[in-house]
Amino acid sequence: MEETWLWLKYLILGIVQGATEPIPVSSSGHLIIAQRLLGIDQAGLTFEILTNTASLIAIMFIYRHDIGRLIVGTWQYIRTREAKYKSDFMFAMYVVIGTIPAVIVGLLFKDWIEDTFSSIKTVGVALLVTGLALWLIRNMRGRKQDGDLKARDALLVGLAQAVALIPGVSRSGSTVITSIATGMKQDTALRFSFMLYIPVSLGAIVMGLPDIISTSEAPGMLLPYVLAFVATLIVTYFAMKWFMGIMAKGNLKYFAYYCFIVGILLLIFL
């Protein structure tokens, strides 16, 4: 019975990760909440890497055509300098620029940030801030498309992604909010946000592999981790598809309401 309950706990954690990774409510914050409620002190680095990998696979599958086009377009522009490929090349360069702040902050301060800001109270405050930002940009409708972006836009969104290293600050929320605030259209903001997610997530996975190899976790955790991985993969896919529909309709205000409610409840009761 105890073993079954352990499997169920990790299945729930996988569902929480998958449901909250794409949407602007902070997956890291919700995992902290879920672990507290389920009585799990720390799920472990292997768990974090596995579930992040599952979310990454799901999101890359959804954006596989965009990724393929950017890779081909960037290579063709470097090789031929033809104008028709320049938009893809520049978009890829802006993804690189936008990735730099999170890489620098992550390498220098990630451990300190996690040790300092991983409390439930911090998550509550961060959700309230996220909710306020979502509320402020709820009616904005930008005009910038992929070919209209500038280095300044990429850097600002990249800085927002770096701030999202704080648990409770939504990565997708901070980048989508900043993208919209810089004047991007909803679909461009969403696409740019998740193009930034891919290299940062890949980097985190690669950086975490040596620690996983040198850290021996209980062999009995294999099945719970597999359940969490599969749950995260499936739920991330459907949550991302759902969020894309929400973005198309411009209904971000509902996420603001959610962040306000959960943030207040956390500050009062946990």
C-alpha atoms as a PDB file:
ATOM      1  CA  MET A   1       0.000   0.000   0.000  1.00  0.00           C
ATOM      2  CA  GLU A   2       2.828   2.375   0.888  1.00  0.00           C
ATOM      3  CA  GLU A   3       4.548   1.642  -2.430  1.00  0.00           C
ATOM      4  CA  THR A   4       1.342   2.323  -4.371  1.00  0.00           C
ATOM      5  CA  TRP A   5       0.931   5.641  -2.554  1.00  0.00           C
ATOM      6  CA  LEU A   6       4.508   6.575  -3.506  1.00  0.00           C
ATOM      7  CA  TRP A   7       3.741   5.840  -7.187  1.00  0.00           C
ATOM      8  CA  LEU A   8       0.587   7.938  -6.967  1.00  0.00           C
ATOM      9  CA  LYS A   9       2.493  10.851  -5.423  1.00  0.00           C
ATOM     10  CA  TYR A  10       4.986  10.939  -8.270  1.00  0.00           C
ATOM     11  CA  LEU A  11       2.246  10.513 -10.842  1.00  0.00           C
ATOM     12  CA  ILE A  12       0.572  13.593  -9.346  1.00  0.00           C
ATOM     13  CA  LEU A  13       3.867  15.517  -9.450  1.00  0.00           C
ATOM     14  CA  GLY A  14       4.246  14.617 -13.122  1.00  0.00           C
ATOM     15  CA  ILE A  15       0.726  15.843 -13.853  1.00  0.00           C
ATOM     16  CA  VAL A  16       1.397  19.085 -11.971  1.00  0.00           C
ATOM     17  CA  GLN A  17       4.644  19.658 -13.896  1.00  0.00           C
ATOM     18  CA  GLY A  18       2.996  18.931 -17.229  1.00  0.00           C
ATOM     19  CA  ALA A  19      -0.065  21.067 -16.558  1.00  0.00           C
ATOM     20  CA  THR A  20       1.845  24.117 -15.316  1.00  0.00           C
ATOM     21  CA  GLU A  21       5.008  24.163 -17.466  1.00  0.00           C
ATOM     22  CA  PRO A  22       3.430  25.755 -20.566  1.00  0.00           C
ATOM     23  CA  ILE A  23       0.982  28.106 -18.846  1.00  0.00           C
ATOM     24  CA  PRO A  24       1.842  31.345 -16.999  1.00  0.00           C
ATOM     25  CA  VAL A  25       1.427  30.090 -13.414  1.00  0.00           C
ATOM     26  CA  SER A  26       4.947  28.759 -12.581  1.00  0.00           C
ATOM     27  CA  SER A  27       5.660  25.035 -12.730  1.00  0.00           C
ATOM     28  CA  SER A  28       8.486  25.333 -10.183  1.00  0.00           C
ATOM     29  CA  GLY A  29       6.192  27.104  -7.736  1.00  0.00           C
ATOM     30  CA  HIS A  30       3.436  24.539  -8.155  1.00  0.00           C
ATOM     31  CA  LEU A  31       5.888  21.667  -7.679  1.00  0.00           C
ATOM     32  CA  ILE A  32       7.008  23.222  -4.390  1.00  0.00           C
ATOM     33  CA  ILE A  33       3.354  23.452  -3.331  1.00  0.00           C
ATOM     34  CA  ALA A  34       2.586  19.896  -4.468  1.00  0.00           C
ATOM     35  CA  GLN A  35       5.638  18.473  -2.682  1.00  0.00           C
ATOM     36  CA  ARG A  36       4.606  20.246   0.519  1.00  0.00           C
ATOM     37  CA  LEU A  37       1.028  18.952   0.313  1.00  0.00           C
ATOM     38  CA  LEU A  38       2.141  15.406  -0.548  1.00  0.00           C
ATOM     39  CA  GLY A  39       4.791  15.293   2.154  1.00  0.00           C
ATOM     40  CA  ILE A  40       7.754  14.989  -0.241  1.00  0.00           C
ATOM     41  CA  ASP A  41      10.727  16.956   1.080  1.00  0.00           C
ATOM     42  CA  GLN A  42      12.653  17.005  -2.205  1.00  0.00           C
ATOM     43  CA  ALA A  43      11.816  15.052  -5.345  1.00  0.00           C
ATOM     44  CA  GLY A  44      15.479  14.912  -6.386  1.00  0.00           C
ATOM     45  CA  LEU A  45      17.615  16.186  -9.230  1.00  0.00           C
ATOM     46  CA  THR A  46      16.924  13.111 -11.357  1.00  0.00           C
ATOM     47  CA  PHE A  47      13.200  13.790 -11.078  1.00  0.00           C
ATOM     48  CA  GLU A  48      13.677  17.440 -12.043  1.00  0.00           C
ATOM     49  CA  ILE A  49      15.773  16.553 -15.085  1.00  0.00           C
ATOM     50  CA  LEU A  50      13.393  13.802 -16.218  1.00  0.00           C
ATOM     51  CA  THR A  51      10.240  15.889 -15.968  1.00  0.00           C
ATOM     52  CA  ASN A  52      11.878  18.904 -17.613  1.00  0.00           C
ATOM     53  CA  THR A  53      13.011  16.611 -20.417  1.00  0.00           C
ATOM     54  CA  ALA A  54       9.479  15.291 -20.832  1.00  0.00           C
ATOM     55  CA  SER A  55       8.061  18.827 -21.073  1.00  0.00           C
ATOM     56  CA  LEU A  56      10.804  19.781 -23.532  1.00  0.00           C
ATOM     57  CA  ILE A  57      10.038  16.801 -25.784  1.00  0.00           C
ATOM     58  CA  ALA A  58       6.329  17.662 -25.842  1.00  0.00           C
ATOM     59  CA  ILE A  59       6.931  21.334 -26.655  1.00  0.00           C
ATOM     60  CA  MET A  60       9.546  20.570 -29.298  1.00  0.00           C
ATOM     61  CA  PHE A  61       7.106  18.165 -30.933  1.00  0.00           C
ATOM     62  CA  ILE A  62       4.440  20.860 -31.078  1.00  0.00           C
ATOM     63  CA  TYR A  63       6.879  23.381 -32.570  1.00  0.00           C
ATOM     64  CA  ARG A  64       8.755  20.859 -34.718  1.00  0.00           C
ATOM     65  CA  HIS A  65       7.849  22.618 -37.983  1.00  0.00           C
ATOM     66  CA  ASP A  66       8.971  26.029 -36.676  1.00  0.00           C
ATOM     67  CA  ILE A  67      12.204  24.517 -35.355  1.00  0.00           C
ATOM     68  CA  GLY A  68      12.891  22.794 -38.660  1.00  0.00           C
ATOM     69  CA  ARG A  69      12.163  25.972 -40.634  1.00  0.00           C
ATOM     70  CA  LEU A  70      14.470  28.064 -38.441  1.00  0.00           C
ATOM     71  CA  ILE A  71      17.312  25.567 -38.705  1.00  0.00           C
ATOM     72  CA  VAL A  72      17.010  25.276 -42.478  1.00  0.00           C
ATOM     73  CA  GLY A  73      16.452  29.016 -42.992  1.00  0.00           C
ATOM     74  CA  THR A  74      19.402  29.970 -40.796  1.00  0.00           C
ATOM     75  CA  TRP A  75      21.728  27.548 -42.581  1.00  0.00           C
ATOM     76  CA  GLN A  76      20.531  28.659 -46.008  1.00  0.00           C
ATOM     77  CA  TYR A  77      21.015  32.328 -45.145  1.00  0.00           C
ATOM     78  CA  ILE A  78      24.547  31.693 -43.856  1.00  0.00           C
ATOM     79  CA  ARG A  79      25.324  29.719 -47.012  1.00  0.00           C
ATOM     80  CA  THR A  80      23.603  31.868 -49.681  1.00  0.00           C
ATOM     81  CA  ARG A  81      22.761  35.239 -48.062  1.00  0.00           C
ATOM     82  CA  GLU A  82      19.426  35.135 -49.909  1.00  0.00           C
ATOM     83  CA  ALA A  83      16.930  37.700 -48.588  1.00  0.00           C
ATOM     84  CA  LYS A  84      14.088  35.171 -48.299  1.00  0.00           C
ATOM     85  CA  TYR A  85      15.958  33.375 -45.496  1.00  0.00           C
ATOM     86  CA  LYS A  86      16.961  36.478 -43.551  1.00  0.00           C
ATOM     87  CA  SER A  87      13.833  36.564 -41.365  1.00  0.00           C
ATOM     88  CA  ASP A  88      14.458  33.036 -40.093  1.00  0.00           C
ATOM     89  CA  PHE A  89      18.145  33.794 -39.544  1.00  0.00           C
ATOM     90  CA  MET A  90      17.393  36.956 -37.550  1.00  0.00           C
ATOM     91  CA  PHE A  91      14.722  35.201 -35.481  1.00  0.00           C
ATOM     92  CA  ALA A  92      17.275  32.496 -34.601  1.00  0.00           C
ATOM     93  CA  MET A  93      19.825  35.172 -33.659  1.00  0.00           C
ATOM     94  CA  TYR A  94      17.283  36.849 -31.403  1.00  0.00           C
ATOM     95  CA  VAL A  95      16.657  33.508 -29.705  1.00  0.00           C
ATOM     96  CA  VAL A  96      20.412  33.317 -29.022  1.00  0.00           C
ATOM     97  CA  ILE A  97      20.434  36.894 -27.661  1.00  0.00           C
ATOM     98  CA  GLY A  98      17.385  36.193 -25.497  1.00  0.00           C
ATOM     99  CA  THR A  99      18.971  33.058 -24.073  1.00  0.00           C
ATOM    100  CA  ILE A 100      22.144  34.760 -22.841  1.00  0.00           C
ATOM    101  CA  PRO A 101      20.742  36.460 -19.668  1.00  0.00           C
ATOM    102  CA  ALA A 102      19.253  33.230 -18.275  1.00  0.00           C
ATOM    103  CA  VAL A 103      22.480  31.351 -19.018  1.00  0.00           C
ATOM    104  CA  ILE A 104      24.610  33.927 -17.185  1.00  0.00           C
ATOM    105  CA  VAL A 105      22.282  34.235 -14.186  1.00  0.00           C
ATOM    106  CA  GLY A 106      21.759  30.466 -14.045  1.00  0.00           C
ATOM    107  CA  LEU A 107      25.460  29.644 -14.080  1.00  0.00           C
ATOM    108  CA  LEU A 108      26.354  32.276 -11.478  1.00  0.00           C
ATOM    109  CA  PHE A 109      23.375  32.344  -9.128  1.00  0.00           C
ATOM    110  CA  LYS A 110      21.077  29.324  -9.668  1.00  0.00           C
ATOM    111  CA  ASP A 111      22.001  27.506  -6.451  1.00  0.00           C
ATOM    112  CA  TRP A 112      21.808  30.713  -4.408  1.00  0.00           C
ATOM    113  CA  ILE A 113      18.428  31.612  -5.915  1.00  0.00           C
ATOM    114  CA  GLU A 114      16.992  28.162  -5.167  1.00  0.00           C
ATOM    115  CA  ASP A 115      18.329  28.174  -1.590  1.00  0.00           C
ATOM    116  CA  THR A 116      17.097  31.711  -0.916  1.00  0.00           C
ATOM    117  CA  PHE A 117      13.724  31.827  -2.662  1.00  0.00           C
ATOM    118  CA  SER A 118      12.311  28.282  -2.439  1.00  0.00           C
ATOM    119  CA  SER A 119       9.843  28.990   0.362  1.00  0.00           C
ATOM    120  CA  ILE A 120       6.070  28.807   0.046  1.00  0.00           C
ATOM    121  CA  LYS A 121       5.804  32.498   0.966  1.00  0.00           C
ATOM    122  CA  THR A 122       8.120  33.448  -1.897  1.00  0.00           C
ATOM    123  CA  VAL A 123       5.991  31.415  -4.291  1.00  0.00           C
ATOM    124  CA  GLY A 124       2.865  33.190  -3.034  1.00  0.00           C
ATOM    125  CA  VAL A 125       4.361  36.650  -3.526  1.00  0.00           C
ATOM    126  CA  ALA A 126       5.745  35.701  -6.953  1.00  0.00           C
ATOM    127  CA  LEU A 127       2.320  34.454  -8.076  1.00  0.00           C
ATOM    128  CA  LEU A 128       0.734  37.753  -7.001  1.00  0.00           C
ATOM    129  CA  VAL A 129       3.338  39.682  -9.000  1.00  0.00           C
ATOM    130  CA  THR A 130       2.754  37.421 -12.003  1.00  0.00           C
ATOM    131  CA  GLY A 131      -0.988  37.924 -11.677  1.00  0.00           C
ATOM    132  CA  LEU A 132      -0.580  41.702 -11.589  1.00  0.00           C
ATOM    133  CA  ALA A 133       1.619  41.655 -14.706  1.00  0.00           C
ATOM    134  CA  LEU A 134      -0.879  39.439 -16.549  1.00  0.00           C
ATOM    135  CA  TRP A 135      -3.675  41.801 -15.588  1.00  0.00           C
ATOM    136  CA  LEU A 136      -1.789  44.861 -16.838  1.00  0.00           C
ATOM    137  CA  ILE A 137      -1.147  43.403 -20.306  1.00  0.00           C
ATOM    138  CA  ARG A 138      -4.479  41.577 -20.651  1.00  0.00           C
ATOM    139  CA  ASN A 139      -5.829  43.948 -23.334  1.00  0.00           C
ATOM    140  CA  MET A 140      -2.617  44.621 -25.244  1.00  0.00           C
ATOM    141  CA  ARG A 141      -2.600  43.614 -28.912  1.00  0.00           C
ATOM    142  CA  GLY A 142       0.786  44.064 -30.532  1.00  0.00           C
ATOM    143  CA  ARG A 143       1.645  44.219 -34.230  1.00  0.00           C
ATOM    144  CA  LYS A 144       5.179  42.858 -34.358  1.00  0.00           C
ATOM    145  CA  GLN A 145       5.569  39.584 -36.226  1.00  0.00           C
ATOM    146  CA  ASP A 146       8.639  37.335 -36.460  1.00  0.00           C
ATOM    147  CA  GLY A 147      10.359  39.571 -39.005  1.00  0.00           C
ATOM    148  CA  ASP A 148       9.762  42.760 -36.976  1.00  0.00           C
ATOM    149  CA  LEU A 149      11.703  41.822 -33.855  1.00  0.00           C
ATOM    150  CA  LYS A 150      14.758  43.765 -32.725  1.00  0.00           C
ATOM    151  CA  ALA A 151      17.724  42.873 -30.541  1.00  0.00           C
ATOM    152  CA  ARG A 152      16.274  45.087 -27.799  1.00  0.00           C
ATOM    153  CA  ASP A 153      13.059  43.044 -27.740  1.00  0.00           C
ATOM    154  CA  ALA A 154      15.018  39.804 -27.485  1.00  0.00           C
ATOM    155  CA  LEU A 155      17.192  41.127 -24.663  1.00  0.00           C
ATOM    156  CA  LEU A 156      14.220  42.370 -22.639  1.00  0.00           C
ATOM    157  CA  VAL A 157      12.417  39.046 -22.975  1.00  0.00           C
ATOM    158  CA  GLY A 158      15.657  37.247 -22.124  1.00  0.00           C
ATOM    159  CA  LEU A 159      16.018  39.290 -18.935  1.00  0.00           C
ATOM    160  CA  ALA A 160      12.448  38.350 -18.019  1.00  0.00           C
ATOM    161  CA  GLN A 161      13.331  34.690 -18.509  1.00  0.00           C
ATOM    162  CA  ALA A 162      16.311  35.124 -16.182  1.00  0.00           C
ATOM    163  CA  VAL A 163      14.018  36.559 -13.490  1.00  0.00           C
ATOM    164  CA  ALA A 164      11.884  33.417 -13.827  1.00  0.00           C
ATOM    165  CA  LEU A 165      14.694  31.399 -12.213  1.00  0.00           C
ATOM    166  CA  ILE A 166      13.071  32.533  -8.960  1.00  0.00           C
ATOM    167  CA  PRO A 167      10.620  29.777  -7.913  1.00  0.00           C
ATOM    168  CA  GLY A 168       7.060  31.007  -8.297  1.00  0.00           C
ATOM    169  CA  VAL A 169       7.882  33.362 -11.164  1.00  0.00           C
ATOM    170  CA  SER A 170       6.453  31.747 -14.281  1.00  0.00           C
ATOM    171  CA  ARG A 171       8.942  31.358 -17.127  1.00  0.00           C
ATOM    172  CA  SER A 172       6.259  31.266 -19.793  1.00  0.00           C
ATOM    173  CA  GLY A 173       4.376  34.036 -18.010  1.00  0.00           C
ATOM    174  CA  SER A 174       7.339  36.391 -17.682  1.00  0.00           C
ATOM    175  CA  THR A 175       8.461  35.883 -21.284  1.00  0.00           C
ATOM    176  CA  VAL A 176       4.979  36.072 -22.820  1.00  0.00           C
ATOM    177  CA  ILE A 177       4.114  39.151 -20.760  1.00  0.00           C
ATOM    178  CA  THR A 178       7.341  40.917 -21.747  1.00  0.00           C
ATOM    179  CA  SER A 179       6.960  39.884 -25.392  1.00  0.00           C
ATOM    180  CA  ILE A 180       3.452  41.334 -25.531  1.00  0.00           C
ATOM    181  CA  ALA A 181       4.614  44.466 -23.679  1.00  0.00           C
ATOM    182  CA  THR A 182       7.276  45.031 -26.367  1.00  0.00           C
ATOM    183  CA  GLY A 183       4.545  45.019 -29.016  1.00  0.00           C
ATOM    184  CA  MET A 184       4.567  41.449 -30.313  1.00  0.00           C
ATOM    185  CA  LYS A 185       1.426  39.802 -31.626  1.00  0.00           C
ATOM    186  CA  GLN A 186       0.014  37.022 -29.466  1.00  0.00           C
ATOM    187  CA  ASP A 187       1.209  34.173 -31.690  1.00  0.00           C
ATOM    188  CA  THR A 188       4.681  35.710 -32.140  1.00  0.00           C
ATOM    189  CA  ALA A 189       4.981  36.276 -28.383  1.00  0.00           C
ATOM    190  CA  LEU A 190       4.058  32.666 -27.678  1.00  0.00           C
ATOM    191  CA  ARG A 191       6.389  31.261 -30.323  1.00  0.00           C
ATOM    192  CA  PHE A 192       9.336  33.428 -29.230  1.00  0.00           C
ATOM    193  CA  SER A 193       8.724  32.512 -25.581  1.00  0.00           C
ATOM    194  CA  PHE A 194       8.943  28.802 -26.260  1.00  0.00           C
ATOM    195  CA  MET A 195      11.809  29.084 -28.706  1.00  0.00           C
ATOM    196  CA  LEU A 196      13.696  30.639 -25.775  1.00  0.00           C
ATOM    197  CA  TYR A 197      12.596  27.782 -23.531  1.00  0.00           C
ATOM    198  CA  ILE A 198      14.225  25.128 -25.727  1.00  0.00           C
ATOM    199  CA  PRO A 199      17.944  26.108 -25.474  1.00  0.00           C
ATOM    200  CA  VAL A 200      17.677  27.008 -21.775  1.00  0.00           C
ATOM    201  CA  SER A 201      15.991  23.706 -20.982  1.00  0.00           C
ATOM    202  CA  LEU A 202      18.490  21.743 -23.080  1.00  0.00           C
ATOM    203  CA  GLY A 203      21.336  23.502 -21.288  1.00  0.00           C
ATOM    204  CA  ALA A 204      19.884  22.706 -17.863  1.00  0.00           C
ATOM    205  CA  ILE A 205      19.562  19.036 -18.819  1.00  0.00           C
ATOM    206  CA  VAL A 206      23.163  18.832 -20.040  1.00  0.00           C
ATOM    207  CA  MET A 207      24.486  20.689 -16.978  1.00  0.00           C
ATOM    208  CA  GLY A 208      22.570  18.374 -14.654  1.00  0.00           C
ATOM    209  CA  LEU A 209      23.750  15.089 -16.167  1.00  0.00           C
ATOM    210  CA  PRO A 210      27.101  14.921 -14.279  1.00  0.00           C
ATOM    211  CA  ASP A 211      25.284  15.386 -10.964  1.00  0.00           C
ATOM    212  CA  ILE A 212      22.813  12.630 -11.863  1.00  0.00           C
ATOM    213  CA  ILE A 213      25.647  10.264 -12.773  1.00  0.00           C
ATOM    214  CA  SER A 214      27.500  10.963  -9.514  1.00  0.00           C
ATOM    215  CA  THR A 215      24.380  10.791  -7.358  1.00  0.00           C
ATOM    216  CA  SER A 216      22.951   7.393  -6.480  1.00  0.00           C
ATOM    217  CA  GLU A 217      19.221   7.529  -5.842  1.00  0.00           C
ATOM    218  CA  ALA A 218      17.150   4.627  -4.565  1.00  0.00           C
ATOM    219  CA  PRO A 219      16.678   1.903  -7.224  1.00  0.00           C
ATOM    220  CA  GLY A 220      13.067   1.635  -6.093  1.00  0.00           C
ATOM    221  CA  MET A 221      12.413   5.097  -7.557  1.00  0.00           C
ATOM    222  CA  LEU A 222      12.613   3.864 -11.158  1.00  0.00           C
ATOM    223  CA  LEU A 223       8.883   3.202 -11.589  1.00  0.00           C
ATOM    224  CA  PRO A 224       7.752   6.428  -9.836  1.00  0.00           C
ATOM    225  CA  TYR A 225      10.092   8.408 -12.091  1.00  0.00           C
ATOM    226  CA  VAL A 226       8.847   6.626 -15.209  1.00  0.00           C
ATOM    227  CA  LEU A 227       5.237   7.365 -14.220  1.00  0.00           C
ATOM    228  CA  ALA A 228       6.105  11.019 -13.625  1.00  0.00           C
ATOM    229  CA  PHE A 229       7.934  11.243 -16.966  1.00  0.00           C
ATOM    230  CA  VAL A 230       5.041   9.775 -18.976  1.00  0.00           C
ATOM    231  CA  ALA A 231       2.471  11.894 -17.150  1.00  0.00           C
ATOM    232  CA  THR A 232       4.517  15.048 -17.716  1.00  0.00           C
ATOM    233  CA  LEU A 233       4.999  14.281 -21.406  1.00  0.00           C
ATOM    234  CA  ILE A 234       1.302  13.702 -22.109  1.00  0.00           C
ATOM    235  CA  VAL A 235      -0.078  16.489 -19.930  1.00  0.00           C
ATOM    236  CA  THR A 236       2.445  19.064 -21.206  1.00  0.00           C
ATOM    237  CA  TYR A 237       1.339  18.364 -24.771  1.00  0.00           C
ATOM    238  CA  PHE A 238      -2.347  18.940 -24.056  1.00  0.00           C
ATOM    239  CA  ALA A 239      -1.710  21.885 -21.704  1.00  0.00           C
ATOM    240  CA  MET A 240       0.402  23.575 -24.395  1.00  0.00           C
ATOM    241  CA  LYS A 241      -2.276  23.039 -27.037  1.00  0.00           C
ATOM    242  CA  TRP A 242      -4.863  24.468 -24.661  1.00  0.00           C
ATOM    243  CA  PHE A 243      -2.681  27.479 -23.858  1.00  0.00           C
ATOM    244  CA  MET A 244      -2.158  28.175 -27.559  1.00  0.00           C
ATOM    245  CA  GLY A 245      -5.936  28.381 -27.916  1.00  0.00           C
ATOM    246  CA  ILE A 246      -6.171  30.702 -24.917  1.00  0.00           C
ATOM    247  CA  MET A 247      -3.490  32.968 -26.381  1.00  0.00           C
ATOM    248  CA  ALA A 248      -5.271  33.094 -29.730  1.00  0.00           C
ATOM    249  CA  LYS A 249      -8.369  34.408 -27.954  1.00  0.00           C
ATOM    250  CA  GLY A 250      -6.406  36.796 -25.712  1.00  0.00           C
ATOM    251  CA  ASN A 251      -7.880  35.493 -22.453  1.00  0.00           C
ATOM    252  CA  LEU A 252      -4.827  35.918 -20.227  1.00  0.00           C
ATOM    253  CA  LYS A 253      -6.915  37.645 -17.560  1.00  0.00           C
ATOM    254  CA  TYR A 254      -8.134  34.256 -16.316  1.00  0.00           C
ATOM    255  CA  PHE A 255      -4.576  33.283 -15.444  1.00  0.00           C
ATOM    256  CA  ALA A 256      -4.269  36.567 -13.566  1.00  0.00           C
ATOM    257  CA  TYR A 257      -7.321  35.634 -11.475  1.00  0.00           C
ATOM    258  CA  TYR A 258      -5.825  32.208 -10.791  1.00  0.00           C
ATOM    259  CA  CYS A 259      -2.474  33.665  -9.699  1.00  0.00           C
ATOM    260  CA  PHE A 260      -4.215  36.144  -7.374  1.00  0.00           C
ATOM    261  CA  ILE A 261      -6.317  33.427  -5.740  1.00  0.00           C
ATOM    262  CA  VAL A 262      -3.524  30.876  -5.284  1.00  0.00           C
ATOM    263  CA  GLY A 263      -1.013  33.529  -4.176  1.00  0.00           C
ATOM    264  CA  ILE A 264      -3.360  34.859  -1.478  1.00  0.00           C
ATOM    265  CA  LEU A 265      -4.244  31.338  -0.270  1.00  0.00           C
ATOM    266  CA  LEU A 266      -0.568  30.449   0.024  1.00  0.00           C
ATOM    267  CA  LEU A 267       0.230  33.569   2.046  1.00  0.00           C
ATOM    268  CA  ILE A 268      -2.709  32.929   4.393  1.00  0.00           C
ATOM    269  CA  PHE A 269      -2.658  29.172   4.926  1.00  0.00           C
ATOM    270  CA  LEU A 270       0.841  27.867   4.144  1.00  0.00           C
END
